C-alpha atoms as a PDB file:
ATOM      1  CA  MET A   1      24.849  19.295 -10.709  1.00  0.00           C
ATOM      2  CA  SER A   2      26.028  22.193 -12.789  1.00  0.00           C
ATOM      3  CA  ASP A   3      28.003  25.084 -11.313  1.00  0.00           C
ATOM      4  CA  TYR A   4      25.096  27.543 -11.733  1.00  0.00           C
ATOM      5  CA  ALA A   5      22.620  25.102 -10.114  1.00  0.00           C
ATOM      6  CA  LYS A   6      24.983  24.702  -7.085  1.00  0.00           C
ATOM      7  CA  ARG A   7      25.331  28.482  -6.800  1.00  0.00           C
ATOM      8  CA  ILE A   8      21.559  28.965  -6.891  1.00  0.00           C
ATOM      9  CA  VAL A   9      21.044  26.417  -4.123  1.00  0.00           C
ATOM     10  CA  GLU A  10      23.815  27.925  -1.929  1.00  0.00           C
ATOM     11  CA  LYS A  11      22.545  31.483  -2.453  1.00  0.00           C
ATOM     12  CA  ILE A  12      18.874  30.553  -1.570  1.00  0.00           C
ATOM     13  CA  ARG A  13      19.994  28.578   1.485  1.00  0.00           C
ATOM     14  CA  LYS A  14      22.143  31.417   2.666  1.00  0.00           C
ATOM     15  CA  GLU A  15      19.401  33.987   2.416  1.00  0.00           C
ATOM     16  CA  PHE A  16      16.320  31.896   3.341  1.00  0.00           C
ATOM     17  CA  GLY A  17      17.574  28.988   5.462  1.00  0.00           C
ATOM     18  CA  ALA A  18      19.041  25.512   5.075  1.00  0.00           C
ATOM     19  CA  ASP A  19      15.723  23.859   4.084  1.00  0.00           C
ATOM     20  CA  SER A  20      14.675  26.527   1.562  1.00  0.00           C
ATOM     21  CA  ALA A  21      16.278  24.739  -1.443  1.00  0.00           C
ATOM     22  CA  LEU A  22      17.507  21.230  -2.168  1.00  0.00           C
ATOM     23  CA  ARG A  23      19.248  19.232  -4.857  1.00  0.00           C
ATOM     24  CA  LEU A  24      16.694  16.653  -5.808  1.00  0.00           C
ATOM     25  CA  GLY A  25      19.226  13.915  -6.505  1.00  0.00           C
ATOM     26  CA  GLU A  26      21.484  14.425  -3.503  1.00  0.00           C
ATOM     27  CA  ASP A  27      18.794  15.585  -1.098  1.00  0.00           C
ATOM     28  CA  GLN A  28      16.165  13.067  -2.277  1.00  0.00           C
ATOM     29  CA  ALA A  29      15.428  11.820   1.224  1.00  0.00           C
ATOM     30  CA  LYS A  30      14.173  15.256   2.181  1.00  0.00           C
ATOM     31  CA  SER A  31      11.734  15.437  -0.691  1.00  0.00           C
ATOM     32  CA  GLU A  32      10.219  11.991  -0.664  1.00  0.00           C
ATOM     33  CA  VAL A  33       7.703  10.413   1.710  1.00  0.00           C
ATOM     34  CA  ARG A  34       9.720   7.851   3.654  1.00  0.00           C
ATOM     35  CA  GLU A  35       7.230   6.868   6.350  1.00  0.00           C
ATOM     36  CA  VAL A  36       3.662   5.724   6.227  1.00  0.00           C
ATOM     37  CA  ILE A  37       0.853   4.613   8.481  1.00  0.00           C
ATOM     38  CA  PRO A  38      -0.094   1.093   7.334  1.00  0.00           C
ATOM     39  CA  THR A  39      -3.875   0.659   7.012  1.00  0.00           C
ATOM     40  CA  GLY A  40      -3.603  -3.028   7.942  1.00  0.00           C
ATOM     41  CA  ILE A  41      -5.086  -4.004   4.541  1.00  0.00           C
ATOM     42  CA  GLU A  42      -2.284  -5.127   2.312  1.00  0.00           C
ATOM     43  CA  VAL A  43      -4.012  -4.645  -1.024  1.00  0.00           C
ATOM     44  CA  LEU A  44      -4.520  -0.991  -0.096  1.00  0.00           C
ATOM     45  CA  ASP A  45      -1.027  -0.438   1.207  1.00  0.00           C
ATOM     46  CA  ARG A  46       0.795  -2.254  -1.529  1.00  0.00           C
ATOM     47  CA  TYR A  47      -1.371  -1.690  -4.558  1.00  0.00           C
ATOM     48  CA  VAL A  48      -4.009   1.078  -4.288  1.00  0.00           C
ATOM     49  CA  LEU A  49      -1.860   3.475  -2.176  1.00  0.00           C
ATOM     50  CA  GLY A  50       1.342   1.886  -3.509  1.00  0.00           C
ATOM     51  CA  ILE A  51       3.691   3.085  -0.848  1.00  0.00           C
ATOM     52  CA  GLY A  52       2.824   0.896   2.136  1.00  0.00           C
ATOM     53  CA  GLY A  53       0.100   2.971   3.762  1.00  0.00           C
ATOM     54  CA  LEU A  54      -1.113   6.497   4.328  1.00  0.00           C
ATOM     55  CA  PRO A  55       1.753   9.022   3.702  1.00  0.00           C
ATOM     56  CA  VAL A  56       2.985  10.734   6.865  1.00  0.00           C
ATOM     57  CA  GLY A  57       3.029  14.495   6.786  1.00  0.00           C
ATOM     58  CA  ARG A  58       0.269  14.735   4.212  1.00  0.00           C
ATOM     59  CA  LEU A  59      -3.449  15.245   3.916  1.00  0.00           C
ATOM     60  CA  VAL A  60      -5.610  12.274   2.733  1.00  0.00           C
ATOM     61  CA  GLU A  61      -9.221  12.729   1.742  1.00  0.00           C
ATOM     62  CA  LEU A  62     -11.656   9.837   2.159  1.00  0.00           C
ATOM     63  CA  TYR A  63     -15.066  10.152   0.546  1.00  0.00           C
ATOM     64  CA  SER A  64     -18.085   8.266  -0.647  1.00  0.00           C
ATOM     65  CA  GLU A  65     -21.845   7.894  -0.401  1.00  0.00           C
ATOM     66  CA  GLU A  66     -23.282   6.975   2.980  1.00  0.00           C
ATOM     67  CA  GLY A  67     -22.870   3.522   4.410  1.00  0.00           C
ATOM     68  CA  THR A  68     -19.740   2.437   2.571  1.00  0.00           C
ATOM     69  CA  GLY A  69     -17.411   2.129   5.566  1.00  0.00           C
ATOM     70  CA  LYS A  70     -15.608   5.484   5.748  1.00  0.00           C
ATOM     71  CA  THR A  71     -15.690   5.724   9.551  1.00  0.00           C
ATOM     72  CA  SER A  72     -14.869   1.995   9.872  1.00  0.00           C
ATOM     73  CA  PHE A  73     -11.803   2.463   7.699  1.00  0.00           C
ATOM     74  CA  ALA A  74     -10.734   5.500   9.706  1.00  0.00           C
ATOM     75  CA  MET A  75     -11.043   3.472  12.944  1.00  0.00           C
ATOM     76  CA  GLY A  76      -8.801   0.750  11.424  1.00  0.00           C
ATOM     77  CA  CYS A  77      -6.225   3.400  10.514  1.00  0.00           C
ATOM     78  CA  ALA A  78      -6.398   4.832  14.024  1.00  0.00           C
ATOM     79  CA  ALA A  79      -5.629   1.408  15.540  1.00  0.00           C
ATOM     80  CA  SER A  80      -2.730   0.956  13.133  1.00  0.00           C
ATOM     81  CA  ALA A  81      -1.256   4.370  14.021  1.00  0.00           C
ATOM     82  CA  GLN A  82      -1.420   3.494  17.673  1.00  0.00           C
ATOM     83  CA  ARG A  83       0.324   0.205  17.030  1.00  0.00           C
ATOM     84  CA  GLU A  84       3.078   2.214  15.235  1.00  0.00           C
ATOM     85  CA  GLY A  85       3.570   4.259  18.435  1.00  0.00           C
ATOM     86  CA  GLY A  86       1.744   7.378  17.225  1.00  0.00           C
ATOM     87  CA  VAL A  87      -0.820   9.631  18.859  1.00  0.00           C
ATOM     88  CA  VAL A  88      -4.347   9.588  17.402  1.00  0.00           C
ATOM     89  CA  VAL A  89      -6.582  12.666  17.536  1.00  0.00           C
ATOM     90  CA  TRP A  90     -10.219  12.175  16.458  1.00  0.00           C
ATOM     91  CA  CYS A  91     -12.070  15.331  15.470  1.00  0.00           C
ATOM     92  CA  GLU A  92     -15.676  14.301  15.923  1.00  0.00           C
ATOM     93  CA  THR A  93     -18.541  16.220  14.290  1.00  0.00           C
ATOM     94  CA  GLU A  94     -20.723  13.343  13.050  1.00  0.00           C
ATOM     95  CA  GLU A  95     -21.919  12.439  16.542  1.00  0.00           C
ATOM     96  CA  ALA A  96     -21.546   8.855  15.586  1.00  0.00           C
ATOM     97  CA  ILE A  97     -18.472   7.742  17.524  1.00  0.00           C
ATOM     98  CA  SER A  98     -18.871   4.483  19.488  1.00  0.00           C
ATOM     99  CA  THR A  99     -16.467   3.131  22.059  1.00  0.00           C
ATOM    100  CA  GLU A 100     -17.398  -0.429  21.366  1.00  0.00           C
ATOM    101  CA  ARG A 101     -17.109   0.003  17.614  1.00  0.00           C
ATOM    102  CA  MET A 102     -13.665   1.529  18.147  1.00  0.00           C
ATOM    103  CA  LYS A 103     -12.631  -1.536  20.157  1.00  0.00           C
ATOM    104  CA  THR A 104     -13.824  -3.814  17.309  1.00  0.00           C
ATOM    105  CA  PHE A 105     -11.156  -2.319  15.084  1.00  0.00           C
ATOM    106  CA  GLY A 106      -8.478  -2.545  17.719  1.00  0.00           C
ATOM    107  CA  VAL A 107      -8.380   1.113  18.905  1.00  0.00           C
ATOM    108  CA  ASP A 108      -6.995   1.735  22.421  1.00  0.00           C
ATOM    109  CA  VAL A 109      -9.850   4.060  23.463  1.00  0.00           C
ATOM    110  CA  ASP A 110      -8.038   5.041  26.677  1.00  0.00           C
ATOM    111  CA  ASP A 111      -5.276   6.569  24.548  1.00  0.00           C
ATOM    112  CA  LEU A 112      -7.522   8.280  21.981  1.00  0.00           C
ATOM    113  CA  VAL A 113      -7.930  12.059  22.016  1.00  0.00           C
ATOM    114  CA  VAL A 114     -11.437  13.128  20.913  1.00  0.00           C
ATOM    115  CA  LEU A 115     -12.100  16.752  19.862  1.00  0.00           C
ATOM    116  CA  GLN A 116     -15.637  18.049  19.598  1.00  0.00           C
ATOM    117  CA  PRO A 117     -15.567  21.437  17.802  1.00  0.00           C
ATOM    118  CA  GLY A 118     -18.667  23.457  17.101  1.00  0.00           C
ATOM    119  CA  SER A 119     -17.577  24.814  13.750  1.00  0.00           C
ATOM    120  CA  ILE A 120     -15.069  24.385  10.928  1.00  0.00           C
ATOM    121  CA  GLU A 121     -13.052  27.309  12.223  1.00  0.00           C
ATOM    122  CA  GLU A 122     -12.976  25.818  15.731  1.00  0.00           C
ATOM    123  CA  ALA A 123     -12.012  22.439  14.307  1.00  0.00           C
ATOM    124  CA  GLY A 124      -9.042  23.997  12.525  1.00  0.00           C
ATOM    125  CA  GLN A 125      -7.933  25.782  15.733  1.00  0.00           C
ATOM    126  CA  GLN A 126      -8.245  22.605  17.824  1.00  0.00           C
ATOM    127  CA  VAL A 127      -6.320  20.450  15.352  1.00  0.00           C
ATOM    128  CA  GLU A 128      -3.644  23.119  15.195  1.00  0.00           C
ATOM    129  CA  THR A 129      -3.387  23.267  18.938  1.00  0.00           C
ATOM    130  CA  ALA A 130      -3.226  19.465  19.208  1.00  0.00           C
ATOM    131  CA  LEU A 131      -0.477  19.175  16.580  1.00  0.00           C
ATOM    132  CA  LYS A 132       1.619  21.903  18.223  1.00  0.00           C
ATOM    133  CA  VAL A 133       1.722  19.885  21.483  1.00  0.00           C
ATOM    134  CA  LEU A 134       3.543  17.100  19.647  1.00  0.00           C
ATOM    135  CA  PRO A 135       7.293  17.539  19.434  1.00  0.00           C
ATOM    136  CA  ALA A 136       8.762  18.665  16.160  1.00  0.00           C
ATOM    137  CA  GLY A 137      10.538  15.923  14.239  1.00  0.00           C
ATOM    138  CA  LYS A 138       9.844  12.225  14.571  1.00  0.00           C
ATOM    139  CA  ALA A 139       7.281  11.409  17.239  1.00  0.00           C
ATOM    140  CA  GLY A 140       5.664   8.280  15.935  1.00  0.00           C
ATOM    141  CA  ALA A 141       3.265   8.083  12.978  1.00  0.00           C
ATOM    142  CA  ASN A 142       0.687  10.454  14.393  1.00  0.00           C
ATOM    143  CA  LEU A 143      -2.847  10.548  12.894  1.00  0.00           C
ATOM    144  CA  VAL A 144      -5.585  13.150  12.950  1.00  0.00           C
ATOM    145  CA  VAL A 145      -9.038  11.981  11.752  1.00  0.00           C
ATOM    146  CA  TRP A 146     -11.668  14.599  10.905  1.00  0.00           C
ATOM    147  CA  ASP A 147     -15.039  12.875  10.665  1.00  0.00           C
ATOM    148  CA  SER A 148     -16.413  14.640   8.790  1.00  0.00           C
ATOM    149  CA  ILE A 149     -15.798  17.840   6.892  1.00  0.00           C
ATOM    150  CA  ALA A 150     -19.312  17.896   5.423  1.00  0.00           C
ATOM    151  CA  ALA A 151     -20.983  17.525   8.810  1.00  0.00           C
ATOM    152  CA  THR A 152     -19.103  20.434  10.393  1.00  0.00           C
ATOM    153  CA  PRO A 153     -20.909  23.809  10.110  1.00  0.00           C
ATOM    154  CA  THR A 154     -19.139  27.097   9.649  1.00  0.00           C
ATOM    155  CA  LYS A 155     -19.143  29.483  12.567  1.00  0.00           C
ATOM    156  CA  ALA A 156     -21.755  31.691  10.809  1.00  0.00           C
ATOM    157  CA  GLU A 157     -23.958  28.629  10.251  1.00  0.00           C
ATOM    158  CA  ALA A 158     -23.629  27.553  13.864  1.00  0.00           C
ATOM    159  CA  GLU A 159     -24.493  30.991  15.218  1.00  0.00           C
ATOM    160  CA  GLY A 160     -26.968  32.242  12.636  1.00  0.00           C
ATOM    161  CA  GLY A 161     -28.842  29.074  11.678  1.00  0.00           C
ATOM    162  CA  LEU A 162     -30.710  28.984   8.378  1.00  0.00           C
ATOM    163  CA  ALA A 163     -31.382  32.717   8.294  1.00  0.00           C
ATOM    164  CA  ASP A 164     -29.769  34.360   5.255  1.00  0.00           C
ATOM    165  CA  TYR A 165     -28.075  31.037   4.398  1.00  0.00           C
ATOM    166  CA  SER A 166     -27.930  31.858   0.717  1.00  0.00           C
ATOM    167  CA  GLN A 167     -25.823  34.946   1.467  1.00  0.00           C
ATOM    168  CA  ARG A 168     -23.162  32.856   3.242  1.00  0.00           C
ATOM    169  CA  MET A 169     -22.330  30.478   0.386  1.00  0.00           C
ATOM    170  CA  GLY A 170     -18.618  30.077  -0.047  1.00  0.00           C
ATOM    171  CA  GLU A 171     -17.748  30.396   3.642  1.00  0.00           C
ATOM    172  CA  ARG A 172     -17.052  26.690   4.028  1.00  0.00           C
ATOM    173  CA  ALA A 173     -14.621  26.747   1.055  1.00  0.00           C
ATOM    174  CA  ARG A 174     -12.824  29.799   2.375  1.00  0.00           C
ATOM    175  CA  SER A 175     -12.437  28.337   5.818  1.00  0.00           C
ATOM    176  CA  LEU A 176     -11.187  24.996   4.533  1.00  0.00           C
ATOM    177  CA  GLY A 177      -8.788  26.834   2.241  1.00  0.00           C
ATOM    178  CA  ALA A 178      -7.224  28.627   5.229  1.00  0.00           C
ATOM    179  CA  ILE A 179      -7.061  25.441   7.239  1.00  0.00           C
ATOM    180  CA  THR A 180      -5.316  23.439   4.514  1.00  0.00           C
ATOM    181  CA  ARG A 181      -2.749  26.171   3.973  1.00  0.00           C
ATOM    182  CA  LEU A 182      -2.027  26.239   7.669  1.00  0.00           C
ATOM    183  CA  LEU A 183      -1.637  22.467   7.963  1.00  0.00           C
ATOM    184  CA  LYS A 184       0.583  22.137   4.872  1.00  0.00           C
ATOM    185  CA  ASP A 185       3.692  22.893   6.865  1.00  0.00           C
ATOM    186  CA  LEU A 186       2.473  21.761  10.286  1.00  0.00           C
ATOM    187  CA  LEU A 187       1.629  18.170   9.339  1.00  0.00           C
ATOM    188  CA  PRO A 188       5.185  17.190   8.224  1.00  0.00           C
ATOM    189  CA  GLU A 189       6.748  19.238  11.036  1.00  0.00           C
ATOM    190  CA  ARG A 190       4.804  17.218  13.652  1.00  0.00           C
ATOM    191  CA  HIS A 191       5.082  13.964  11.788  1.00  0.00           C
ATOM    192  CA  ALA A 192       1.335  13.546  11.361  1.00  0.00           C
ATOM    193  CA  THR A 193      -1.246  12.634   8.734  1.00  0.00           C
ATOM    194  CA  LEU A 194      -4.672  14.211   8.440  1.00  0.00           C
ATOM    195  CA  LEU A 195      -7.383  11.811   7.261  1.00  0.00           C
ATOM    196  CA  ALA A 196     -10.219  14.050   6.248  1.00  0.00           C
ATOM    197  CA  VAL A 197     -13.524  12.191   5.839  1.00  0.00           C
ATOM    198  CA  ASN A 198     -15.928  13.765   3.411  1.00  0.00           C
ATOM    199  CA  GLN A 199     -19.360  12.999   1.918  1.00  0.00           C
ATOM    200  CA  VAL A 200     -20.614  13.359  -1.653  1.00  0.00           C
ATOM    201  CA  ARG A 201     -23.291  15.466  -3.232  1.00  0.00           C
ATOM    202  CA  GLU A 202     -25.082  14.825  -6.514  1.00  0.00           C
ATOM    203  CA  LYS A 203     -24.394  17.330  -9.306  1.00  0.00           C
ATOM    204  CA  ILE A 204     -27.723  18.710 -10.475  1.00  0.00           C
ATOM    205  CA  GLY A 205     -28.334  18.263 -14.209  1.00  0.00           C
ATOM    206  CA  VAL A 206     -25.300  16.096 -14.954  1.00  0.00           C
ATOM    207  CA  MET A 207     -26.216  13.366 -17.432  1.00  0.00           C
ATOM    208  CA  PHE A 208     -22.829  11.907 -18.330  1.00  0.00           C
ATOM    209  CA  GLY A 209     -19.623  11.180 -16.483  1.00  0.00           C
ATOM    210  CA  ASP A 210     -19.177  11.462 -12.685  1.00  0.00           C
ATOM    211  CA  LYS A 211     -22.388  12.870 -11.247  1.00  0.00           C
ATOM    212  CA  TYR A 212     -21.022  13.273  -7.721  1.00  0.00           C
ATOM    213  CA  THR A 213     -18.869  15.941  -6.062  1.00  0.00           C
ATOM    214  CA  THR A 214     -17.615  16.625  -2.565  1.00  0.00           C
ATOM    215  CA  PRO A 215     -18.767  19.701  -0.594  1.00  0.00           C
ATOM    216  CA  GLY A 216     -16.414  22.390   0.603  1.00  0.00           C
ATOM    217  CA  GLY A 217     -14.921  23.741  -2.618  1.00  0.00           C
ATOM    218  CA  HIS A 218     -11.658  22.684  -4.138  1.00  0.00           C
ATOM    219  CA  ALA A 219      -9.141  23.411  -1.310  1.00  0.00           C
ATOM    220  CA  VAL A 220      -9.158  19.923   0.182  1.00  0.00           C
ATOM    221  CA  LYS A 221      -9.048  18.303  -3.241  1.00  0.00           C
ATOM    222  CA  PHE A 222      -5.971  20.290  -4.225  1.00  0.00           C
ATOM    223  CA  ALA A 223      -4.220  19.964  -0.861  1.00  0.00           C
ATOM    224  CA  ALA A 224      -4.772  16.163  -0.574  1.00  0.00           C
ATOM    225  CA  SER A 225      -1.822  14.035  -1.568  1.00  0.00           C
ATOM    226  CA  VAL A 226      -4.223  11.054  -1.816  1.00  0.00           C
ATOM    227  CA  ARG A 227      -7.989  10.967  -2.431  1.00  0.00           C
ATOM    228  CA  LEU A 228      -9.594   7.642  -1.638  1.00  0.00           C
ATOM    229  CA  GLN A 229     -13.075   7.004  -2.948  1.00  0.00           C
ATOM    230  CA  LEU A 230     -15.141   4.104  -1.605  1.00  0.00           C
ATOM    231  CA  PHE A 231     -17.952   2.259  -3.454  1.00  0.00           C
ATOM    232  CA  GLY A 232     -20.400   0.026  -1.664  1.00  0.00           C
ATOM    233  CA  GLY A 233     -20.891  -3.421  -3.142  1.00  0.00           C
ATOM    234  CA  LYS A 234     -22.390  -6.807  -2.480  1.00  0.00           C
ATOM    235  CA  ALA A 235     -23.678  -7.628   0.996  1.00  0.00           C
ATOM    236  CA  VAL A 236     -22.212 -10.589   2.851  1.00  0.00           C
ATOM    237  CA  LYS A 237     -24.917 -12.716   4.452  1.00  0.00           C
ATOM    238  CA  GLU A 238     -25.214 -15.655   6.789  1.00  0.00           C
ATOM    239  CA  GLY A 239     -28.717 -16.910   6.318  1.00  0.00           C
ATOM    240  CA  ASP A 240     -30.914 -13.818   6.401  1.00  0.00           C
ATOM    241  CA  GLN A 241     -28.446 -11.777   8.450  1.00  0.00           C
ATOM    242  CA  HIS A 242     -26.190  -9.129   6.946  1.00  0.00           C
ATOM    243  CA  VAL A 243     -22.785  -9.757   8.452  1.00  0.00           C
ATOM    244  CA  GLY A 244     -20.530  -7.708   6.184  1.00  0.00           C
ATOM    245  CA  LYS A 245     -20.038  -5.981   2.880  1.00  0.00           C
ATOM    246  CA  ILE A 246     -17.641  -5.954  -0.073  1.00  0.00           C
ATOM    247  CA  ILE A 247     -16.265  -2.447  -0.598  1.00  0.00           C
ATOM    248  CA  THR A 248     -14.219  -1.110  -3.478  1.00  0.00           C
ATOM    249  CA  PHE A 249     -11.441   1.348  -2.704  1.00  0.00           C
ATOM    250  CA  MET A 250     -10.065   3.547  -5.483  1.00  0.00           C
ATOM    251  CA  ALA A 251      -7.283   6.128  -5.436  1.00  0.00           C
ATOM    252  CA  ALA A 252      -8.994   8.912  -7.437  1.00  0.00           C
ATOM    253  CA  LYS A 253      -5.860  10.969  -6.853  1.00  0.00           C
ATOM    254  CA  ASN A 254      -2.377   9.732  -5.807  1.00  0.00           C
ATOM    255  CA  ARG A 255       0.760  11.887  -5.807  1.00  0.00           C
ATOM    256  CA  MET A 256       2.749   8.982  -4.336  1.00  0.00           C
ATOM    257  CA  ALA A 257       2.007   6.271  -6.841  1.00  0.00           C
ATOM    258  CA  PRO A 258      -0.019   5.711 -10.032  1.00  0.00           C
ATOM    259  CA  PRO A 259      -3.640   6.812  -9.526  1.00  0.00           C
ATOM    260  CA  TRP A 260      -6.931   5.142 -10.387  1.00  0.00           C
ATOM    261  CA  ARG A 261      -5.952   1.778  -8.979  1.00  0.00           C
ATOM    262  CA  LYS A 262      -8.787   0.005  -7.233  1.00  0.00           C
ATOM    263  CA  ALA A 263      -9.385  -3.167  -5.249  1.00  0.00           C
ATOM    264  CA  GLN A 264     -12.144  -4.890  -3.331  1.00  0.00           C
ATOM    265  CA  VAL A 265     -11.964  -5.221   0.431  1.00  0.00           C
ATOM    266  CA  LYS A 266     -14.198  -7.209   2.731  1.00  0.00           C
ATOM    267  CA  LEU A 267     -15.641  -5.660   5.862  1.00  0.00           C
ATOM    268  CA  ASP A 268     -16.918  -7.978   8.579  1.00  0.00           C
ATOM    269  CA  TYR A 269     -19.209  -5.983  10.842  1.00  0.00           C
ATOM    270  CA  ALA A 270     -18.267  -8.033  13.911  1.00  0.00           C
ATOM    271  CA  ALA A 271     -14.560  -8.523  13.340  1.00  0.00           C
ATOM    272  CA  GLY A 272     -13.391  -5.611  11.166  1.00  0.00           C
ATOM    273  CA  TRP A 273     -11.496  -5.601   7.857  1.00  0.00           C
ATOM    274  CA  GLU A 274     -10.545  -8.987   6.443  1.00  0.00           C
ATOM    275  CA  ASN A 275      -7.041  -8.652   5.071  1.00  0.00           C
ATOM    276  CA  LEU A 276      -6.727 -12.333   4.227  1.00  0.00           C
ATOM    277  CA  TRP A 277      -9.828 -12.376   2.017  1.00  0.00           C
ATOM    278  CA  SER A 278      -8.882  -9.119   0.361  1.00  0.00           C
ATOM    279  CA  THR A 279      -5.384 -10.327  -0.536  1.00  0.00           C
ATOM    280  CA  VAL A 280      -6.603 -13.626  -1.988  1.00  0.00           C
ATOM    281  CA  ASN A 281      -9.431 -11.908  -3.893  1.00  0.00           C
ATOM    282  CA  HIS A 282      -7.012  -9.368  -5.401  1.00  0.00           C
ATOM    283  CA  ALA A 283      -4.654 -12.166  -6.497  1.00  0.00           C
ATOM    284  CA  LYS A 284      -7.595 -13.859  -8.278  1.00  0.00           C
ATOM    285  CA  ASP A 285      -8.685 -10.565  -9.847  1.00  0.00           C
ATOM    286  CA  VAL A 286      -5.270  -9.955 -11.397  1.00  0.00           C
ATOM    287  CA  GLY A 287      -4.883 -13.578 -12.570  1.00  0.00           C
ATOM    288  CA  LYS A 288      -2.260 -14.643 -10.030  1.00  0.00           C
ATOM    289  CA  LEU A 289      -4.530 -17.343  -8.542  1.00  0.00           C
ATOM    290  CA  PRO A 290      -7.309 -19.485 -10.063  1.00  0.00           C
ATOM    291  CA  GLU A 291     -10.839 -18.257  -9.577  1.00  0.00           C
ATOM    292  CA  GLY A 292     -11.867 -21.401  -7.692  1.00  0.00           C
ATOM    293  CA  VAL A 293      -9.374 -21.063  -4.894  1.00  0.00           C
ATOM    294  CA  HIS A 294     -10.927 -20.784  -1.436  1.00  0.00           C
ATOM    295  CA  THR A 295      -9.786 -18.267   1.138  1.00  0.00           C
ATOM    296  CA  THR A 296      -7.410 -20.175   3.389  1.00  0.00           C
ATOM    297  CA  GLU A 297      -4.115 -19.469   5.113  1.00  0.00           C
ATOM    298  CA  LYS A 298      -2.335 -21.407   2.371  1.00  0.00           C
ATOM    299  CA  ALA A 299      -4.149 -19.464  -0.327  1.00  0.00           C
ATOM    300  CA  TYR A 300      -3.129 -16.232   1.457  1.00  0.00           C
ATOM    301  CA  ALA A 301       0.545 -17.306   1.535  1.00  0.00           C
ATOM    302  CA  ASP A 302       0.385 -18.301  -2.128  1.00  0.00           C
ATOM    303  CA  ALA A 303      -1.273 -14.998  -3.066  1.00  0.00           C
ATOM    304  CA  LYS A 304       1.381 -12.952  -1.337  1.00  0.00           C
ATOM    305  CA  GLU A 305       4.141 -14.945  -3.050  1.00  0.00           C
ATOM    306  CA  ALA A 306       2.499 -14.612  -6.421  1.00  0.00           C
ATOM    307  CA  LEU A 307       1.976 -10.882  -5.973  1.00  0.00           C
ATOM    308  CA  GLY A 308       5.577 -10.385  -4.782  1.00  0.00           C
ATOM    309  CA  TRP A 309       4.450  -9.241  -1.332  1.00  0.00           C
ATOM    310  CA  VAL A 310       6.791 -11.398   0.675  1.00  0.00           C
END
């Protein structure tokens, strides 16, 4: 580091505090994400996300059309965070939470905090309050799930109903902007990740390109370190019964690793996410295993070795 660069760092630290400036090479540990919450699905952790899981201290947006497994994925992440010793707070506004479904994905429901805010503003206040109870510094890989942003009304909507709705456009975006600015510093301080579940809306009149967008303005998009988009695929059947689904995960934005990586993951409705199938399938997709290989424990071990995941 040059003499002038050192003097700048020293001067800024003296006037604004020890953490106000850093030397990227020497203080690299302070500037990089070192801890993650594993999703339990290796192809997501090692390839799509690329850093081993959801980044701790950051906001992650999860969005898709209906019925593609967003809540199921969030439940799997909640169980993983608990296994890592973290606290899980579930901000519930979809009115779709199920104790039995949580147990399917391995969530300890007795140790799960469920918030039930009546508005976006109240959700932000409750999440802030919950995070501030956690000790500063390392306290496990804590996770806050907000399911979902799109289903949470603003305070004006909740109190005023549909009357004069057209005059209140933009309130959701302003509220979410304030919340994301508040959480930007609070999440890393309390060693937590916010997994914000969102829906999609169709853009009217769009003929080419991506015809979908997410509601709530651009604040969450910009604040998110990772944006995971899900695409529903082929149904898995046993006879005439639907027992699962093949879902494609794509990192539409990734500040931690190369974006736009995608992979297929299998969801078994009765047993949860099938990591073994997903790993073997990915190895076949990228040419590391022959197409005709069946999903077995040996194929799983071979796939991990071929992919360099051992």
